[in-house]
Amino acid sequence: MEPDIVETAKNNFSTDRSVFFCSQYEFFTWDLENTTFPWIIVGSIILLSPVTILMNLLVIVTVAKRRDLQKLSNILLRSLALVDLLVGAVSMPLSATVDVLILRQMPVEYICDLDLANITVLYFLSILSLYHLTVIAWERNVAIRKGLQYRVLVSKSLLVKLSIFAWLVAVFSDLPATILTITEEDVEIIDMWMTIECTLMVICVIIIACYNILVYLGVRKRKKNQIVPLTANQKMESKTAKTCGLLTLVIFSSFLPKLLISIFSEIFPAPLQSNSAFRLTETLVQLNSLLTPLIYWYRDRRFRNAVLEILRLRKPQPIHPPVAARIACRGNPVGTHLNYKEPHFVFDSHSKQHAIKRVLGVHVFFFYLTVNPSRRPQMIPFKKGEEWHSNGSFLKRLTLNAKLKNKEPEKKEDLKMEPDTGETANNNFSTDRSVFFCSQYEFFTWDLENTTFPWIIVGSIILLSPVTILMNLLVIVTIAKRRDLQKLSNILLRSLALVDLLVGAVSMPLSATVDVLILRQMPVEYICDLDLANITVLYFLSVLSLYHLTAIAWERNVAIRKGLQYRVLVSKNLLVKLSIFAWLVAAFTDLPATILTVTEVGTEITDMWMTIECTLMVICVMIIACYNILVYLGVRKRKKNQIVPLTANQKMESKTAKICGLLTLVIFSSFLPKLLISIFSEIFPAPLQSNSAFRLTETLVQLNSLLTPLIYWYRDRRFRNAVLEILRLRKPQPIHPSVAARIACRGSPVGTVAERHD
């Protein structure tokens, strides 16, 4: 067998090796001589994996088939049970496979890669469970402490979206770290990303703890202040508190060994850095997915009976929910209708599962501390009878080290990188290069020595990209769901928000990727082509935003200055066609320039086409400026000549004019540095042609997509309230548009026909 990267002894793998470890965590070793206890662990995992799958599958099927268990909180429970099912179906078999291959010393290539995949899967499922528990803790807190408002604040669609959001956050937080590890990225970048992720997990753990404490205190307060005997629901809540305490004790008992291994492995390396120790702690983490349904079975009679009925081991019993609701109402006439519909039964039985994984964030944090994924997985076995040398926590063979040292120059030569079109220094790319540029814009260079500020820009883009996506997605969803915001002008606003969403989802990650590849001097082919694609995408989306702003400025001018003719001149179909036309014009003006650049046609044709496109953009900027000035003058004239007080719609128009002026100022302020760079880069080449200068100006252009929804949030109260209601952070308010329209008509009978739409 020839392992991944490292040359080893030529003797038989199955007979002569006594110790095995992988380079990404060399301080944890597999003892290939004393294998009794590891085989017991492997056998236990093989036996318990199908039981874990069966128990969690029963949870999913039972909740789906039993009507009395089909409650709102069980939506999150089913999603969490799916995570536990994946632990039994993927993580446990994968860890057993790795252990069998290593303990049997099978000549299988890429064992360390398989082990890294096992760790990645377990890590991903752990943080996914943590995010589910955070959402469940919030839902239970609302159900217990805000009983009468529960149906208003929590809905089926909201919980479905939250469960989907938990999966997406887990994917997008864990996937970059995995990619960085596979691509052999520098430890500093991985540590930075993992620090952000661990901070998020610690916040989730704190939120879960706080919400569970609030729920417990709420139940205790109700029991302490009781005057009449406790109802059935209240007794169930007390039982739930005891169940949560039991689950918390079980969780801390299972995670305590892993915590101790992480803390004391450097102090006592011999017993704590063997496979018997760290595989046992990982197995205890995996068994949480089995303990959850078992504790439900033990503590929740309804769940136990439902499972027995599904398995045909118990005769089905009739269910009479209306009678139960009436009995609950007699014992506690206030608020118990809600307690039955989304009862504290659910909290009682399901908070157990929530508490079981409450400590997952702490486990994942310390689990990361035990793993150093800075290098490609390597397999370094050893011969029996050889002399060993201990250096700290790393076991090394002296003869093997000599071989590796002799091969280091060959590896470095393989890492040399020659970008497709960029001219660079002749020295090794990974260590000695100081400047990088691409031939299509040789006057802009990347400084590979002073990289502090570029890394700050990259970190800012990585952090702000999901915020940009979220804010613009909220704009689109809010306009689609709120009837009072479904106006004609918002058709163009939704299309513009889609453009800004693409900036956050495509342009910002692409630019960050290019910067990371160049600054880390990664041996990746076609970096300059990737950078050209980044510039093309940003240019296309910027032009598309400009065309949308032109259409919006025209629509606002018609609404303000030609009120009675607005419904005649502007219709829904017209605005939809204008938004489609903006996309088509941007595509057909930018696509030819891109093709001319890629095919390396003569610069005269490319310059001619770019001149035409720039002329069109200048015309659009002038139109936007003129229309905004006309709107401002129209509002000022109306305010100056008013005799009767302004109506609500007229006040809204004045506020809209201020918002448009503010947006125009922000846009010109963000594009001004880019314009100055283009003009003065030939005059002052040293400071203005570095990556710090032109990447900063591009970042300011990208941040327009974040500033736009933030300005709407700050200036538009209706939009702000609608977003808070969608996020369930504010109680929904009744909307009476017809009454508001009649009041506006009484205040100003002339010219309000067009104003009602706004």
Foldseek 3Di string as FASTA:
>chain_A
DQEDPAGADPDDQQPFFAWKDKPQFQLFIAGLPPCPLVVVLLVVLVVCLVVLLVLLVLLLVLCVPDPLNVAQLVVLVNLLSVLLNCLSVPLSVLVSVLSVCVNSSPPDYPSLVSVVVSVLSLLLSLQLLLQSLLVSLVLLLCCLVVLVCNPQLDDNVVSNVSNVVSNVVSCVLSVVLVVCLQLLHALVVSVVSVVVVLVVSVVSLVSSVVSLVSLVVSLVVCVVPDDADDDPQSVLSVLLNVLLVVLLVLQCVLQVLLVCLLPCCLVPVPPSSYCSRVVSSVSSVSCLSVVLSVSLCVRQPVSVVSSCVVVVNDPDDDDDLVVVQVRRCVRPVPSVNSCSNNNCSCSSRPVSNSSNSSCSSVSSSSVVSSTRSNGDITMYTDGPPADWDDDRSHTDDPVSVVVVVVCVVVVQVVFAADEPAWDWDPDRLQPDTQWIDGPVCRLFIAGLPPCPLVVVLLVVLVVCLVVLLVLLVLLLVLCVPDPLNVFQLCVLVNLLSVLLNCLSVPLSVLVSVLSSCNNSSGRDYNSVVSVVVSVLSLVLSLQLNLQSLLVSLVLLLCCLVVLVCNPVVDDNVVSVVSNVVSNVVSCVLSVVLSVCVVVVPDVVVSVVSVVVVVVVSVVSVVSSVVSLVSLQVSLVVCVVPDDFDAAPLSVVSNLVSVLSVVLVVLQCVLQVQVVVLVVCCVVPSPPSSYCSRNVVSSSSNSCSSVVVSVSCCVRPPVSVVSSCSVVSNDRDDDDDLVVSLVVRCVRPVPSCPSSSSD
